[in-house]
Amino acid sequence: ARSHRLAAQLEAALTNRAVIDQTLGVIMSRTGATP
């Protein structure tokens, strides 16, 4: 059960990281901001 829970948390973390990186790209392209 712990293994399944950790795998789900890792998957969610990786998905969240990808979305955050995409958002940073959008903000940078619109505003010229640094990362």
All heavy atoms as atom14 arrays in JSON, in Angstrom:
{
  "sequence": "ARSHRLAAQLEAALTNRAVIDQTLGVIMSRTGATP",
  "atom14_mask": [
    [1, 1, 1, 1, 1, 0, 0, 0, 0, 0, 0, 0, 0, 0],
    [1, 1, 1, 1, 1, 1, 1, 1, 1, 1, 1, 0, 0, 0],
    [1, 1, 1, 1, 1, 1, 0, 0, 0, 0, 0, 0, 0, 0],
    [1, 1, 1, 1, 1, 1, 1, 1, 1, 1, 0, 0, 0, 0],
    [1, 1, 1, 1, 1, 1, 1, 1, 1, 1, 1, 0, 0, 0],
    [1, 1, 1, 1, 1, 1, 1, 1, 0, 0, 0, 0, 0, 0],
    [1, 1, 1, 1, 1, 0, 0, 0, 0, 0, 0, 0, 0, 0],
    [1, 1, 1, 1, 1, 0, 0, 0, 0, 0, 0, 0, 0, 0],
    [1, 1, 1, 1, 1, 1, 1, 1, 1, 0, 0, 0, 0, 0],
    [1, 1, 1, 1, 1, 1, 1, 1, 0, 0, 0, 0, 0, 0],
    [1, 1, 1, 1, 1, 1, 1, 1, 1, 0, 0, 0, 0, 0],
    [1, 1, 1, 1, 1, 0, 0, 0, 0, 0, 0, 0, 0, 0],
    [1, 1, 1, 1, 1, 0, 0, 0, 0, 0, 0, 0, 0, 0],
    [1, 1, 1, 1, 1, 1, 1, 1, 0, 0, 0, 0, 0, 0],
    [1, 1, 1, 1, 1, 1, 1, 0, 0, 0, 0, 0, 0, 0],
    [1, 1, 1, 1, 1, 1, 1, 1, 0, 0, 0, 0, 0, 0],
    [1, 1, 1, 1, 1, 1, 1, 1, 1, 1, 1, 0, 0, 0],
    [1, 1, 1, 1, 1, 0, 0, 0, 0, 0, 0, 0, 0, 0],
    [1, 1, 1, 1, 1, 1, 1, 0, 0, 0, 0, 0, 0, 0],
    [1, 1, 1, 1, 1, 1, 1, 1, 0, 0, 0, 0, 0, 0],
    [1, 1, 1, 1, 1, 1, 1, 1, 0, 0, 0, 0, 0, 0],
    [1, 1, 1, 1, 1, 1, 1, 1, 1, 0, 0, 0, 0, 0],
    [1, 1, 1, 1, 1, 1, 1, 0, 0, 0, 0, 0, 0, 0],
    [1, 1, 1, 1, 1, 1, 1, 1, 0, 0, 0, 0, 0, 0],
    [1, 1, 1, 1, 0, 0, 0, 0, 0, 0, 0, 0, 0, 0],
    [1, 1, 1, 1, 1, 1, 1, 0, 0, 0, 0, 0, 0, 0],
    [1, 1, 1, 1, 1, 1, 1, 1, 0, 0, 0, 0, 0, 0],
    [1, 1, 1, 1, 1, 1, 1, 1, 0, 0, 0, 0, 0, 0],
    [1, 1, 1, 1, 1, 1, 0, 0, 0, 0, 0, 0, 0, 0],
    [1, 1, 1, 1, 1, 1, 1, 1, 1, 1, 1, 0, 0, 0],
    [1, 1, 1, 1, 1, 1, 1, 0, 0, 0, 0, 0, 0, 0],
    [1, 1, 1, 1, 0, 0, 0, 0, 0, 0, 0, 0, 0, 0],
    [1, 1, 1, 1, 1, 0, 0, 0, 0, 0, 0, 0, 0, 0],
    [1, 1, 1, 1, 1, 1, 1, 0, 0, 0, 0, 0, 0, 0],
    [1, 1, 1, 1, 1, 1, 1, 0, 0, 0, 0, 0, 0, 0]
  ],
  "atom14_positions": [
    [[0.83, -1.2, 0.0], [0.0, 0.0, 0.0], [0.87, 1.26, 0.0], [0.57, 2.24, -0.7], [-0.93, 0.0, 1.21], [0.0, 0.0, 0.0], [0.0, 0.0, 0.0], [0.0, 0.0, 0.0], [0.0, 0.0, 0.0], [0.0, 0.0, 0.0], [0.0, 0.0, 0.0], [0.0, 0.0, 0.0], [0.0, 0.0, 0.0], [0.0, 0.0, 0.0]],
    [[1.94, 1.24, 0.79], [2.84, 2.4, 0.81], [3.51, 2.59, -0.55], [3.68, 3.72, -1.02], [3.92, 2.22, 1.88], [3.41, 2.32, 3.31], [4.56, 2.44, 4.3], [4.1, 2.23, 5.67], [4.3, 1.15, 6.38], [4.98, 0.14, 5.86], [3.84, 1.05, 7.62], [0.0, 0.0, 0.0], [0.0, 0.0, 0.0], [0.0, 0.0, 0.0]],
    [[3.89, 1.48, -1.2], [4.52, 1.57, -2.52], [3.57, 2.19, -3.53], [3.96, 3.06, -4.33], [4.96, 0.18, -3.0], [5.93, -0.36, -2.14], [0.0, 0.0, 0.0], [0.0, 0.0, 0.0], [0.0, 0.0, 0.0], [0.0, 0.0, 0.0], [0.0, 0.0, 0.0], [0.0, 0.0, 0.0], [0.0, 0.0, 0.0], [0.0, 0.0, 0.0]],
    [[2.31, 1.75, -3.51], [1.31, 2.33, -4.42], [1.11, 3.81, -4.14], [1.0, 4.62, -5.06], [-0.02, 1.59, -4.27], [0.0, 0.21, -4.87], [-0.96, -0.74, -4.6], [0.87, -0.38, -5.71], [-0.69, -1.85, -5.25], [0.41, -1.66, -5.94], [0.0, 0.0, 0.0], [0.0, 0.0, 0.0], [0.0, 0.0, 0.0], [0.0, 0.0, 0.0]],
    [[1.07, 4.16, -2.83], [0.86, 5.56, -2.47], [2.03, 6.43, -2.92], [1.83, 7.52, -3.47], [0.65, 5.67, -0.96], [0.28, 7.07, -0.49], [-0.25, 7.04, 0.93], [0.72, 6.51, 1.88], [0.57, 5.35, 2.53], [-0.5, 4.6, 2.34], [1.5, 4.95, 3.38], [0.0, 0.0, 0.0], [0.0, 0.0, 0.0], [0.0, 0.0, 0.0]],
    [[3.26, 5.93, -2.73], [4.44, 6.69, -3.14], [4.5, 6.83, -4.66], [4.87, 7.9, -5.18], [5.71, 6.01, -2.63], [5.94, 6.1, -1.12], [7.13, 5.25, -0.72], [6.16, 7.55, -0.7], [0.0, 0.0, 0.0], [0.0, 0.0, 0.0], [0.0, 0.0, 0.0], [0.0, 0.0, 0.0], [0.0, 0.0, 0.0], [0.0, 0.0, 0.0]],
    [[4.12, 5.77, -5.37], [4.12, 5.83, -6.83], [3.12, 6.87, -7.34], [3.41, 7.63, -8.26], [3.8, 4.45, -7.42], [0.0, 0.0, 0.0], [0.0, 0.0, 0.0], [0.0, 0.0, 0.0], [0.0, 0.0, 0.0], [0.0, 0.0, 0.0], [0.0, 0.0, 0.0], [0.0, 0.0, 0.0], [0.0, 0.0, 0.0], [0.0, 0.0, 0.0]],
    [[1.95, 6.9, -6.7], [0.94, 7.88, -7.09], [1.41, 9.29, -6.79], [1.19, 10.22, -7.58], [-0.38, 7.59, -6.36], [0.0, 0.0, 0.0], [0.0, 0.0, 0.0], [0.0, 0.0, 0.0], [0.0, 0.0, 0.0], [0.0, 0.0, 0.0], [0.0, 0.0, 0.0], [0.0, 0.0, 0.0], [0.0, 0.0, 0.0], [0.0, 0.0, 0.0]],
    [[2.07, 9.47, -5.64], [2.58, 10.8, -5.28], [3.67, 11.24, -6.25], [3.72, 12.42, -6.64], [3.1, 10.78, -3.85], [2.01, 10.63, -2.8], [2.57, 10.4, -1.41], [3.76, 10.14, -1.24], [1.71, 10.48, -0.4], [0.0, 0.0, 0.0], [0.0, 0.0, 0.0], [0.0, 0.0, 0.0], [0.0, 0.0, 0.0], [0.0, 0.0, 0.0]],
    [[4.53, 10.3, -6.62], [5.6, 10.63, -7.56], [5.03, 11.0, -8.92], [5.46, 11.97, -9.55], [6.56, 9.45, -7.7], [7.72, 9.62, -8.7], [8.58, 10.81, -8.31], [8.55, 8.34, -8.76], [0.0, 0.0, 0.0], [0.0, 0.0, 0.0], [0.0, 0.0, 0.0], [0.0, 0.0, 0.0], [0.0, 0.0, 0.0], [0.0, 0.0, 0.0]],
    [[4.05, 10.23, -9.38], [3.41, 10.53, -10.66], [2.76, 11.91, -10.63], [2.89, 12.69, -11.58], [2.36, 9.46, -10.99], [1.7, 9.66, -12.34], [0.7, 8.56, -12.65], [0.57, 7.63, -11.84], [0.04, 8.65, -13.7], [0.0, 0.0, 0.0], [0.0, 0.0, 0.0], [0.0, 0.0, 0.0], [0.0, 0.0, 0.0], [0.0, 0.0, 0.0]],
    [[2.08, 12.21, -9.52], [1.44, 13.53, -9.4], [2.49, 14.63, -9.38], [2.3, 15.7, -9.98], [0.59, 13.58, -8.14], [0.0, 0.0, 0.0], [0.0, 0.0, 0.0], [0.0, 0.0, 0.0], [0.0, 0.0, 0.0], [0.0, 0.0, 0.0], [0.0, 0.0, 0.0], [0.0, 0.0, 0.0], [0.0, 0.0, 0.0], [0.0, 0.0, 0.0]],
    [[3.59, 14.38, -8.67], [4.64, 15.39, -8.59], [5.26, 15.66, -9.96], [5.5, 16.82, -10.33], [5.73, 14.94, -7.61], [0.0, 0.0, 0.0], [0.0, 0.0, 0.0], [0.0, 0.0, 0.0], [0.0, 0.0, 0.0], [0.0, 0.0, 0.0], [0.0, 0.0, 0.0], [0.0, 0.0, 0.0], [0.0, 0.0, 0.0], [0.0, 0.0, 0.0]],
    [[5.49, 14.59, -10.73], [6.06, 14.77, -12.06], [5.1, 15.51, -12.98], [5.5, 16.38, -13.76], [6.43, 13.4, -12.66], [7.58, 12.67, -11.97], [7.74, 11.27, -12.56], [8.88, 13.45, -12.11], [0.0, 0.0, 0.0], [0.0, 0.0, 0.0], [0.0, 0.0, 0.0], [0.0, 0.0, 0.0], [0.0, 0.0, 0.0], [0.0, 0.0, 0.0]],
    [[3.8, 15.18, -12.87], [2.79, 15.87, -13.68], [2.73, 17.34, -13.29], [2.69, 18.23, -14.17], [1.41, 15.21, -13.48], [1.5, 13.84, -13.87], [0.35, 15.91, -14.3], [0.0, 0.0, 0.0], [0.0, 0.0, 0.0], [0.0, 0.0, 0.0], [0.0, 0.0, 0.0], [0.0, 0.0, 0.0], [0.0, 0.0, 0.0], [0.0, 0.0, 0.0]],
    [[2.73, 17.61, -12.0], [2.69, 18.99, -11.53], [3.91, 19.77, -12.0], [3.81, 20.93, -12.39], [2.6, 19.03, -10.0], [1.26, 18.55, -9.49], [0.27, 18.52, -10.22], [1.2, 18.17, -8.22], [0.0, 0.0, 0.0], [0.0, 0.0, 0.0], [0.0, 0.0, 0.0], [0.0, 0.0, 0.0], [0.0, 0.0, 0.0], [0.0, 0.0, 0.0]],
    [[5.08, 19.12, -11.95], [6.31, 19.79, -12.38], [6.24, 20.17, -13.85], [6.64, 21.27, -14.26], [7.52, 18.88, -12.11], [8.84, 19.46, -12.59], [9.16, 20.77, -11.91], [10.34, 21.4, -12.46], [11.57, 21.18, -11.98], [11.74, 20.35, -10.94], [12.61, 21.78, -12.51], [0.0, 0.0, 0.0], [0.0, 0.0, 0.0], [0.0, 0.0, 0.0]],
    [[5.69, 19.25, -14.67], [5.58, 19.54, -16.1], [4.65, 20.72, -16.35], [4.94, 21.6, -17.17], [5.07, 18.3, -16.85], [0.0, 0.0, 0.0], [0.0, 0.0, 0.0], [0.0, 0.0, 0.0], [0.0, 0.0, 0.0], [0.0, 0.0, 0.0], [0.0, 0.0, 0.0], [0.0, 0.0, 0.0], [0.0, 0.0, 0.0], [0.0, 0.0, 0.0]],
    [[3.53, 20.76, -15.63], [2.58, 21.86, -15.8], [3.19, 23.18, -15.34], [3.02, 24.22, -15.99], [1.27, 21.57, -15.02], [0.35, 22.78, -15.02], [0.56, 20.37, -15.62], [0.0, 0.0, 0.0], [0.0, 0.0, 0.0], [0.0, 0.0, 0.0], [0.0, 0.0, 0.0], [0.0, 0.0, 0.0], [0.0, 0.0, 0.0], [0.0, 0.0, 0.0]],
    [[3.91, 23.15, -14.23], [4.56, 24.37, -13.72], [5.59, 24.88, -14.73], [5.67, 26.08, -15.0], [5.2, 24.09, -12.35], [4.1, 23.9, -11.3], [6.12, 25.25, -11.94], [4.62, 23.43, -9.95], [0.0, 0.0, 0.0], [0.0, 0.0, 0.0], [0.0, 0.0, 0.0], [0.0, 0.0, 0.0], [0.0, 0.0, 0.0], [0.0, 0.0, 0.0]],
    [[6.38, 23.96, -15.3], [7.38, 24.37, -16.3], [6.7, 25.0, -17.51], [7.18, 26.0, -18.07], [8.21, 23.17, -16.73], [9.21, 22.73, -15.66], [9.45, 23.52, -14.73], [9.73, 21.6, -15.75], [0.0, 0.0, 0.0], [0.0, 0.0, 0.0], [0.0, 0.0, 0.0], [0.0, 0.0, 0.0], [0.0, 0.0, 0.0], [0.0, 0.0, 0.0]],
    [[5.57, 24.42, -17.95], [4.83, 25.0, -19.07], [4.34, 26.41, -18.74], [4.42, 27.33, -19.56], [3.65, 24.11, -19.44], [4.05, 22.77, -20.04], [2.86, 21.82, -20.15], [1.76, 22.14, -19.74], [3.12, 20.63, -20.69], [0.0, 0.0, 0.0], [0.0, 0.0, 0.0], [0.0, 0.0, 0.0], [0.0, 0.0, 0.0], [0.0, 0.0, 0.0]],
    [[3.85, 26.58, -17.53], [3.34, 27.88, -17.11], [4.45, 28.91, -17.05], [4.27, 30.07, -17.46], [2.66, 27.77, -15.73], [1.66, 26.76, -15.79], [2.03, 29.08, -15.33], [0.0, 0.0, 0.0], [0.0, 0.0, 0.0], [0.0, 0.0, 0.0], [0.0, 0.0, 0.0], [0.0, 0.0, 0.0], [0.0, 0.0, 0.0], [0.0, 0.0, 0.0]],
    [[5.61, 28.52, -16.53], [6.74, 29.45, -16.49], [7.11, 29.89, -17.91], [7.43, 31.07, -18.13], [7.93, 28.79, -15.81], [7.75, 28.45, -14.32], [9.02, 27.8, -13.77], [7.39, 29.68, -13.51], [0.0, 0.0, 0.0], [0.0, 0.0, 0.0], [0.0, 0.0, 0.0], [0.0, 0.0, 0.0], [0.0, 0.0, 0.0], [0.0, 0.0, 0.0]],
    [[7.05, 28.95, -18.86], [7.33, 29.3, -20.24], [6.33, 30.33, -20.79], [6.71, 31.27, -21.5], [0.0, 0.0, 0.0], [0.0, 0.0, 0.0], [0.0, 0.0, 0.0], [0.0, 0.0, 0.0], [0.0, 0.0, 0.0], [0.0, 0.0, 0.0], [0.0, 0.0, 0.0], [0.0, 0.0, 0.0], [0.0, 0.0, 0.0], [0.0, 0.0, 0.0]],
    [[5.06, 30.14, -20.45], [4.03, 31.09, -20.9], [4.29, 32.48, -20.32], [4.26, 33.5, -21.03], [2.63, 30.6, -20.49], [1.57, 31.67, -20.74], [2.27, 29.32, -21.26], [0.0, 0.0, 0.0], [0.0, 0.0, 0.0], [0.0, 0.0, 0.0], [0.0, 0.0, 0.0], [0.0, 0.0, 0.0], [0.0, 0.0, 0.0], [0.0, 0.0, 0.0]],
    [[4.56, 32.54, -19.0], [4.8, 33.83, -18.35], [6.04, 34.5, -18.93], [6.06, 35.72, -19.2], [4.96, 33.64, -16.82], [3.64, 33.14, -16.22], [5.39, 34.94, -16.15], [3.74, 32.76, -14.75], [0.0, 0.0, 0.0], [0.0, 0.0, 0.0], [0.0, 0.0, 0.0], [0.0, 0.0, 0.0], [0.0, 0.0, 0.0], [0.0, 0.0, 0.0]],
    [[7.11, 33.74, -19.15], [8.35, 34.3, -19.69], [8.15, 34.85, -21.1], [8.65, 35.92, -21.44], [9.44, 33.23, -19.68], [9.91, 32.85, -18.27], [10.8, 31.26, -18.19], [12.18, 31.59, -19.3], [0.0, 0.0, 0.0], [0.0, 0.0, 0.0], [0.0, 0.0, 0.0], [0.0, 0.0, 0.0], [0.0, 0.0, 0.0], [0.0, 0.0, 0.0]],
    [[7.38, 34.11, -21.92], [7.17, 34.56, -23.3], [6.33, 35.82, -23.37], [6.5, 36.65, -24.26], [6.52, 33.45, -24.12], [5.2, 33.19, -23.66], [0.0, 0.0, 0.0], [0.0, 0.0, 0.0], [0.0, 0.0, 0.0], [0.0, 0.0, 0.0], [0.0, 0.0, 0.0], [0.0, 0.0, 0.0], [0.0, 0.0, 0.0], [0.0, 0.0, 0.0]],
    [[5.42, 36.0, -22.42], [4.54, 37.16, -22.43], [5.16, 38.4, -21.79], [4.86, 39.53, -22.16], [3.23, 36.84, -21.71], [2.34, 35.89, -22.47], [1.06, 35.66, -21.71], [0.17, 34.75, -22.41], [-0.94, 34.25, -21.89], [-1.28, 34.58, -20.65], [-1.69, 33.44, -22.6], [0.0, 0.0, 0.0], [0.0, 0.0, 0.0], [0.0, 0.0, 0.0]],
    [[6.01, 38.17, -20.78], [6.5, 39.31, -20.0], [7.99, 39.55, -20.16], [8.49, 40.6, -19.73], [6.22, 39.07, -18.5], [6.98, 37.93, -18.05], [4.73, 38.82, -18.27], [0.0, 0.0, 0.0], [0.0, 0.0, 0.0], [0.0, 0.0, 0.0], [0.0, 0.0, 0.0], [0.0, 0.0, 0.0], [0.0, 0.0, 0.0], [0.0, 0.0, 0.0]],
    [[8.72, 38.6, -20.74], [10.17, 38.74, -20.82], [10.86, 38.49, -19.5], [12.03, 38.84, -19.34], [0.0, 0.0, 0.0], [0.0, 0.0, 0.0], [0.0, 0.0, 0.0], [0.0, 0.0, 0.0], [0.0, 0.0, 0.0], [0.0, 0.0, 0.0], [0.0, 0.0, 0.0], [0.0, 0.0, 0.0], [0.0, 0.0, 0.0], [0.0, 0.0, 0.0]],
    [[10.14, 37.89, -18.55], [10.71, 37.65, -17.23], [11.73, 36.52, -17.29], [11.69, 35.65, -18.18], [9.6, 37.3, -16.25], [0.0, 0.0, 0.0], [0.0, 0.0, 0.0], [0.0, 0.0, 0.0], [0.0, 0.0, 0.0], [0.0, 0.0, 0.0], [0.0, 0.0, 0.0], [0.0, 0.0, 0.0], [0.0, 0.0, 0.0], [0.0, 0.0, 0.0]],
    [[12.64, 36.51, -16.33], [13.56, 35.4, -16.18], [12.81, 34.23, -15.54], [11.71, 34.41, -14.99], [14.74, 35.78, -15.27], [14.23, 36.03, -13.95], [15.44, 37.03, -15.78], [0.0, 0.0, 0.0], [0.0, 0.0, 0.0], [0.0, 0.0, 0.0], [0.0, 0.0, 0.0], [0.0, 0.0, 0.0], [0.0, 0.0, 0.0], [0.0, 0.0, 0.0]],
    [[13.38, 33.01, -15.55], [12.7, 31.89, -14.88], [12.4, 32.16, -13.42], [11.34, 31.81, -12.92], [13.69, 30.73, -15.06], [14.45, 31.07, -16.3], [14.58, 32.57, -16.29], [0.0, 0.0, 0.0], [0.0, 0.0, 0.0], [0.0, 0.0, 0.0], [0.0, 0.0, 0.0], [0.0, 0.0, 0.0], [0.0, 0.0, 0.0], [0.0, 0.0, 0.0]]
  ]
}
